[in-house]
Structures are given as structure tokens and as C-alpha cells.
Amino acid sequence: MKNNKNLIEQLGGLNPYFVTGFSDAESTFVVSISKCSRFLKKKIKTGWRVTISFALQLHKRDLPLLKQIQAFFGVGDIYEPQGETVLYQVRSLEDVKKIINHFNKYPLITKKQADFELFKAIVELIDRDEHKTIEGLTKIISLRASMNRGLSEEFKKYFPAVLPFPRPSVGGQEILID
């Protein structure tokens, strides 16, 4: 990896299109909605907590690449849980906005673009503090229901009337080169 690192340094860092392509294959946009604990229920009026993250999880032998991606974005943390994987994760609202800016400029070209669009809409709602109201939470749940694998059956029991937001159609993306 030392030779690859020197090559990357000679090129001025990771190519943004490489980062997008790699993310298209290996990343995930995560929106978690969970019941608040008794302590948090006093602070959160809806009784539900919404968290967001962008994540890449790889085999631990690929830790140097995750560190380069972390340096590229300039945000996020790397976790080395026990086992064979390492996780790069970006969780704060301001840091996630940096990730969104990147993918707005260098778009994903697979079906993951639809998940990104839904994720971005959720982040915008959170940025406007709409997640703190039942109406905003319902919008977020509707958007989240169309992401990745949708909502679990257990979660649907809490919000049976919420319908999934129409999934954005993607297609016809081209690989762009500066």
C-alpha cells in the first residue's frame, strides 16, 4: 500500500470520481429511527430519535484506503470493532452535509442514487428541525420506508398509516470525466 499511497500523493489525493465510484459499490446511507429512552422522552417531544450517517465498511486489510477516504472528505471517524472489518462513519449533521455536497457535484451512477436522494431529503428535514414534530417525523418515516430495505415489520406496527414515499427513478447516468 505504500507505493499506492505515494502515487495518490503524487496525484494530489484521491480522485473525486474514484471516491464516488467506490462509494457507489461499498457505501450506505443510513437513517435510524428509534424510540427514545425515558430520559430522552423528556427532551424529545415526538418520543422518537432520528439519526443519520454515511458509512463504508471494509475488511480490516483495507484500513489504509478508509483512512484516505476519511482524509479526502476531512470528516468522520474510523472504528475498528473486533473481527475482520473496519468502519468509516460520518454522523454529525454538518459533516453529512459535506458528504452530500460531494455527491451533488460527483453523482452516483447506480440505483444507490435513489437512496442518496431520499437520504438528502431527510437531512434537509432534519436541518430545518422538522424531525422534532410529528408531521416532520412522519415525512421522514415515509422517505425512510423507500430506502434500502424499507421499514422492518416491527417498526411498521408503530406507524401503520405511513406510506412509502415514491422512490426516485434513476437511470441514464453517465460516467463523467473532468
C-alpha atoms as a PDB file:
ATOM      1  CA  MET A   1       0.000   0.000   0.000  1.00  0.00           C
ATOM      2  CA  LYS A   2       2.987   2.294   0.475  1.00  0.00           C
ATOM      3  CA  ASN A   3       3.501   2.570  -3.303  1.00  0.00           C
ATOM      4  CA  ASN A   4      -0.198   3.278  -3.804  1.00  0.00           C
ATOM      5  CA  LYS A   5      -0.073   5.958  -1.112  1.00  0.00           C
ATOM      6  CA  ASN A   6       2.874   7.639  -2.829  1.00  0.00           C
ATOM      7  CA  LEU A   7       1.026   7.519  -6.147  1.00  0.00           C
ATOM      8  CA  ILE A   8      -2.068   9.067  -4.559  1.00  0.00           C
ATOM      9  CA  GLU A   9       0.078  11.812  -3.018  1.00  0.00           C
ATOM     10  CA  GLN A  10       1.720  12.468  -6.416  1.00  0.00           C
ATOM     11  CA  LEU A  11      -1.709  12.825  -7.981  1.00  0.00           C
ATOM     12  CA  GLY A  12      -2.762  15.320  -5.300  1.00  0.00           C
ATOM     13  CA  GLY A  13      -5.046  12.957  -3.382  1.00  0.00           C
ATOM     14  CA  LEU A  14      -7.884  10.638  -4.260  1.00  0.00           C
ATOM     15  CA  ASN A  15      -9.786  11.398  -7.425  1.00  0.00           C
ATOM     16  CA  PRO A  16     -13.333  12.505  -6.524  1.00  0.00           C
ATOM     17  CA  TYR A  17     -14.760  10.229  -9.222  1.00  0.00           C
ATOM     18  CA  PHE A  18     -12.929   7.275  -7.656  1.00  0.00           C
ATOM     19  CA  VAL A  19     -14.454   8.166  -4.280  1.00  0.00           C
ATOM     20  CA  THR A  20     -17.915   8.316  -5.843  1.00  0.00           C
ATOM     21  CA  GLY A  21     -17.448   5.052  -7.733  1.00  0.00           C
ATOM     22  CA  PHE A  22     -16.123   3.286  -4.673  1.00  0.00           C
ATOM     23  CA  SER A  23     -18.992   4.686  -2.611  1.00  0.00           C
ATOM     24  CA  ASP A  24     -21.460   3.542  -5.261  1.00  0.00           C
ATOM     25  CA  ALA A  25     -20.266  -0.001  -4.650  1.00  0.00           C
ATOM     26  CA  GLU A  26     -19.442  -0.057  -0.949  1.00  0.00           C
ATOM     27  CA  SER A  27     -21.204   2.716   0.992  1.00  0.00           C
ATOM     28  CA  THR A  28     -24.538   3.045   2.664  1.00  0.00           C
ATOM     29  CA  PHE A  29     -26.738   5.981   3.609  1.00  0.00           C
ATOM     30  CA  VAL A  30     -28.296   5.217   6.977  1.00  0.00           C
ATOM     31  CA  VAL A  31     -31.347   6.735   8.647  1.00  0.00           C
ATOM     32  CA  SER A  32     -32.177   5.177  12.004  1.00  0.00           C
ATOM     33  CA  ILE A  33     -35.401   5.903  13.843  1.00  0.00           C
ATOM     34  CA  SER A  34     -35.646   4.598  17.374  1.00  0.00           C
ATOM     35  CA  LYS A  35     -37.830   5.001  20.431  1.00  0.00           C
ATOM     36  CA  CYS A  36     -36.391   7.363  22.998  1.00  0.00           C
ATOM     37  CA  SER A  37     -35.411   6.217  26.433  1.00  0.00           C
ATOM     38  CA  ARG A  38     -37.376   7.599  29.374  1.00  0.00           C
ATOM     39  CA  PHE A  39     -34.673  10.210  29.896  1.00  0.00           C
ATOM     40  CA  LEU A  40     -34.727  11.402  26.276  1.00  0.00           C
ATOM     41  CA  LYS A  41     -38.536  11.393  26.064  1.00  0.00           C
ATOM     42  CA  LYS A  42     -38.490  14.452  28.323  1.00  0.00           C
ATOM     43  CA  LYS A  43     -36.308  16.260  25.764  1.00  0.00           C
ATOM     44  CA  ILE A  44     -37.729  14.888  22.508  1.00  0.00           C
ATOM     45  CA  LYS A  45     -41.422  15.678  22.113  1.00  0.00           C
ATOM     46  CA  THR A  46     -42.170  13.046  19.460  1.00  0.00           C
ATOM     47  CA  GLY A  47     -40.701  10.225  21.549  1.00  0.00           C
ATOM     48  CA  TRP A  48     -38.598   9.137  18.551  1.00  0.00           C
ATOM     49  CA  ARG A  49     -34.949   9.815  17.797  1.00  0.00           C
ATOM     50  CA  VAL A  50     -33.694  10.167  14.221  1.00  0.00           C
ATOM     51  CA  THR A  51     -30.017   9.638  13.433  1.00  0.00           C
ATOM     52  CA  ILE A  52     -28.246   9.822  10.095  1.00  0.00           C
ATOM     53  CA  SER A  53     -24.936   8.538   8.821  1.00  0.00           C
ATOM     54  CA  PHE A  54     -22.872   7.783   5.773  1.00  0.00           C
ATOM     55  CA  ALA A  55     -20.793   4.638   6.168  1.00  0.00           C
ATOM     56  CA  LEU A  56     -18.238   2.451   4.448  1.00  0.00           C
ATOM     57  CA  GLN A  57     -17.398  -0.916   5.998  1.00  0.00           C
ATOM     58  CA  LEU A  58     -14.479  -2.915   4.655  1.00  0.00           C
ATOM     59  CA  HIS A  59     -12.163  -5.738   5.604  1.00  0.00           C
ATOM     60  CA  LYS A  60      -9.535  -4.590   8.077  1.00  0.00           C
ATOM     61  CA  ARG A  61      -6.796  -5.069   5.485  1.00  0.00           C
ATOM     62  CA  ASP A  62      -8.359  -2.088   3.640  1.00  0.00           C
ATOM     63  CA  LEU A  63      -7.960   0.290   6.593  1.00  0.00           C
ATOM     64  CA  PRO A  64      -5.386   2.420   4.697  1.00  0.00           C
ATOM     65  CA  LEU A  65      -7.965   3.106   1.968  1.00  0.00           C
ATOM     66  CA  LEU A  66     -10.605   4.081   4.540  1.00  0.00           C
ATOM     67  CA  LYS A  67      -8.105   6.481   6.088  1.00  0.00           C
ATOM     68  CA  GLN A  68      -7.505   8.033   2.656  1.00  0.00           C
ATOM     69  CA  ILE A  69     -11.245   8.428   2.107  1.00  0.00           C
ATOM     70  CA  GLN A  70     -11.585   9.980   5.566  1.00  0.00           C
ATOM     71  CA  ALA A  71      -8.774  12.417   4.687  1.00  0.00           C
ATOM     72  CA  PHE A  72     -10.446  13.149   1.331  1.00  0.00           C
ATOM     73  CA  PHE A  73     -13.711  14.171   2.980  1.00  0.00           C
ATOM     74  CA  GLY A  74     -11.991  15.709   6.011  1.00  0.00           C
ATOM     75  CA  VAL A  75     -14.752  14.430   8.321  1.00  0.00           C
ATOM     76  CA  GLY A  76     -15.902  11.278  10.055  1.00  0.00           C
ATOM     77  CA  ASP A  77     -14.449   8.604  12.267  1.00  0.00           C
ATOM     78  CA  ILE A  78     -12.975   5.166  11.754  1.00  0.00           C
ATOM     79  CA  TYR A  79     -13.963   2.380  14.104  1.00  0.00           C
ATOM     80  CA  GLU A  80     -12.142  -0.899  14.427  1.00  0.00           C
ATOM     81  CA  PRO A  81     -14.597  -3.249  16.086  1.00  0.00           C
ATOM     82  CA  GLN A  82     -13.488  -6.730  16.970  1.00  0.00           C
ATOM     83  CA  GLY A  83     -13.496  -9.007  13.988  1.00  0.00           C
ATOM     84  CA  GLU A  84     -12.435  -8.637  10.412  1.00  0.00           C
ATOM     85  CA  THR A  85     -13.986  -5.301   9.476  1.00  0.00           C
ATOM     86  CA  VAL A  86     -13.345  -1.586   9.903  1.00  0.00           C
ATOM     87  CA  LEU A  87     -15.987   1.115   9.616  1.00  0.00           C
ATOM     88  CA  TYR A  88     -15.728   4.683   8.339  1.00  0.00           C
ATOM     89  CA  GLN A  89     -18.738   6.641   9.521  1.00  0.00           C
ATOM     90  CA  VAL A  90     -19.904  10.253   9.212  1.00  0.00           C
ATOM     91  CA  ARG A  91     -22.713  11.107  11.634  1.00  0.00           C
ATOM     92  CA  SER A  92     -22.954  14.788  12.502  1.00  0.00           C
ATOM     93  CA  LEU A  93     -25.372  16.908  10.507  1.00  0.00           C
ATOM     94  CA  GLU A  94     -22.705  19.387   9.414  1.00  0.00           C
ATOM     95  CA  ASP A  95     -20.318  16.616   8.355  1.00  0.00           C
ATOM     96  CA  VAL A  96     -23.043  14.719   6.488  1.00  0.00           C
ATOM     97  CA  LYS A  97     -23.748  17.934   4.551  1.00  0.00           C
ATOM     98  CA  LYS A  98     -20.136  17.778   3.281  1.00  0.00           C
ATOM     99  CA  ILE A  99     -20.756  14.247   2.040  1.00  0.00           C
ATOM    100  CA  ILE A 100     -23.966  15.406   0.337  1.00  0.00           C
ATOM    101  CA  ASN A 101     -22.127  18.284  -1.347  1.00  0.00           C
ATOM    102  CA  HIS A 102     -19.633  15.804  -2.774  1.00  0.00           C
ATOM    103  CA  PHE A 103     -22.333  13.540  -4.240  1.00  0.00           C
ATOM    104  CA  ASN A 104     -24.220  16.545  -5.609  1.00  0.00           C
ATOM    105  CA  LYS A 105     -21.079  17.504  -7.522  1.00  0.00           C
ATOM    106  CA  TYR A 106     -19.953  13.946  -8.361  1.00  0.00           C
ATOM    107  CA  PRO A 107     -23.202  11.936  -8.647  1.00  0.00           C
ATOM    108  CA  LEU A 108     -23.599   8.253  -8.031  1.00  0.00           C
ATOM    109  CA  ILE A 109     -24.482   6.255 -11.150  1.00  0.00           C
ATOM    110  CA  THR A 110     -26.167   3.149  -9.729  1.00  0.00           C
ATOM    111  CA  LYS A 111     -29.532   2.643  -8.060  1.00  0.00           C
ATOM    112  CA  LYS A 112     -27.852   3.930  -4.893  1.00  0.00           C
ATOM    113  CA  GLN A 113     -28.522   7.412  -6.301  1.00  0.00           C
ATOM    114  CA  ALA A 114     -32.188   6.942  -5.330  1.00  0.00           C
ATOM    115  CA  ASP A 115     -31.198   6.140  -1.738  1.00  0.00           C
ATOM    116  CA  PHE A 116     -28.967   9.216  -1.768  1.00  0.00           C
ATOM    117  CA  GLU A 117     -31.844  11.453  -2.942  1.00  0.00           C
ATOM    118  CA  LEU A 118     -34.105  10.126  -0.180  1.00  0.00           C
ATOM    119  CA  PHE A 119     -31.310  10.480   2.383  1.00  0.00           C
ATOM    120  CA  LYS A 120     -30.654  14.056   1.245  1.00  0.00           C
ATOM    121  CA  ALA A 121     -34.357  14.920   1.638  1.00  0.00           C
ATOM    122  CA  ILE A 122     -34.300  13.530   5.187  1.00  0.00           C
ATOM    123  CA  VAL A 123     -31.169  15.513   6.028  1.00  0.00           C
ATOM    124  CA  GLU A 124     -32.890  18.673   4.754  1.00  0.00           C
ATOM    125  CA  LEU A 125     -35.874  17.985   7.034  1.00  0.00           C
ATOM    126  CA  ILE A 126     -33.553  17.459   9.995  1.00  0.00           C
ATOM    127  CA  ASP A 127     -31.644  20.631   9.134  1.00  0.00           C
ATOM    128  CA  ARG A 128     -34.953  22.541   9.369  1.00  0.00           C
ATOM    129  CA  ASP A 129     -35.725  20.815  12.714  1.00  0.00           C
ATOM    130  CA  GLU A 130     -38.799  19.177  11.218  1.00  0.00           C
ATOM    131  CA  HIS A 131     -37.838  15.858  12.815  1.00  0.00           C
ATOM    132  CA  LYS A 132     -38.907  17.405  16.120  1.00  0.00           C
ATOM    133  CA  THR A 133     -42.585  17.416  15.111  1.00  0.00           C
ATOM    134  CA  ILE A 134     -44.936  14.510  14.447  1.00  0.00           C
ATOM    135  CA  GLU A 135     -45.596  15.855  10.934  1.00  0.00           C
ATOM    136  CA  GLY A 136     -41.889  16.047  10.140  1.00  0.00           C
ATOM    137  CA  LEU A 137     -41.217  12.660  11.706  1.00  0.00           C
ATOM    138  CA  THR A 138     -43.983  11.178   9.548  1.00  0.00           C
ATOM    139  CA  LYS A 139     -42.356  12.655   6.412  1.00  0.00           C
ATOM    140  CA  ILE A 140     -39.017  11.173   7.442  1.00  0.00           C
ATOM    141  CA  ILE A 141     -40.565   7.759   8.057  1.00  0.00           C
ATOM    142  CA  SER A 142     -42.249   7.886   4.650  1.00  0.00           C
ATOM    143  CA  LEU A 143     -38.930   8.718   2.965  1.00  0.00           C
ATOM    144  CA  ARG A 144     -37.056   6.118   5.023  1.00  0.00           C
ATOM    145  CA  ALA A 145     -39.600   3.471   4.040  1.00  0.00           C
ATOM    146  CA  SER A 146     -38.383   3.791   0.439  1.00  0.00           C
ATOM    147  CA  MET A 147     -34.695   3.492   1.275  1.00  0.00           C
ATOM    148  CA  ASN A 148     -32.586   0.357   1.237  1.00  0.00           C
ATOM    149  CA  ARG A 149     -34.708  -2.472   2.632  1.00  0.00           C
ATOM    150  CA  GLY A 150     -37.551  -0.257   3.810  1.00  0.00           C
ATOM    151  CA  LEU A 151     -39.021  -0.448   7.298  1.00  0.00           C
ATOM    152  CA  SER A 152     -38.984  -3.538   9.461  1.00  0.00           C
ATOM    153  CA  GLU A 153     -42.297  -5.230  10.186  1.00  0.00           C
ATOM    154  CA  GLU A 154     -41.820  -4.364  13.867  1.00  0.00           C
ATOM    155  CA  PHE A 155     -41.391  -0.667  13.055  1.00  0.00           C
ATOM    156  CA  LYS A 156     -44.424  -0.638  10.736  1.00  0.00           C
ATOM    157  CA  LYS A 157     -46.570  -1.586  13.743  1.00  0.00           C
ATOM    158  CA  TYR A 158     -45.838   1.812  15.293  1.00  0.00           C
ATOM    159  CA  PHE A 159     -46.709   3.763  12.125  1.00  0.00           C
ATOM    160  CA  PRO A 160     -49.179   1.626  10.149  1.00  0.00           C
ATOM    161  CA  ALA A 161     -50.718   4.563   8.255  1.00  0.00           C
ATOM    162  CA  VAL A 162     -47.421   5.878   6.861  1.00  0.00           C
ATOM    163  CA  LEU A 163     -46.990   5.066   3.193  1.00  0.00           C
ATOM    164  CA  PRO A 164     -43.586   4.864   1.494  1.00  0.00           C
ATOM    165  CA  PHE A 165     -42.613   7.942  -0.492  1.00  0.00           C
ATOM    166  CA  PRO A 166     -42.303   7.198  -4.238  1.00  0.00           C
ATOM    167  CA  ARG A 167     -38.753   6.039  -4.861  1.00  0.00           C
ATOM    168  CA  PRO A 168     -36.903   8.403  -7.218  1.00  0.00           C
ATOM    169  CA  SER A 169     -36.230   6.896 -10.611  1.00  0.00           C
ATOM    170  CA  VAL A 170     -32.615   6.774 -11.635  1.00  0.00           C
ATOM    171  CA  GLY A 171     -31.064   5.755 -14.859  1.00  0.00           C
ATOM    172  CA  GLY A 172     -29.158   7.062 -17.793  1.00  0.00           C
ATOM    173  CA  GLN A 173     -26.321   8.304 -15.620  1.00  0.00           C
ATOM    174  CA  GLU A 174     -23.024   8.583 -17.386  1.00  0.00           C
ATOM    175  CA  ILE A 175     -19.537   8.285 -16.058  1.00  0.00           C
ATOM    176  CA  LEU A 176     -18.269  11.850 -16.140  1.00  0.00           C
ATOM    177  CA  ILE A 177     -14.660  12.855 -16.539  1.00  0.00           C
ATOM    178  CA  ASP A 178     -13.316  16.321 -15.857  1.00  0.00           C
END
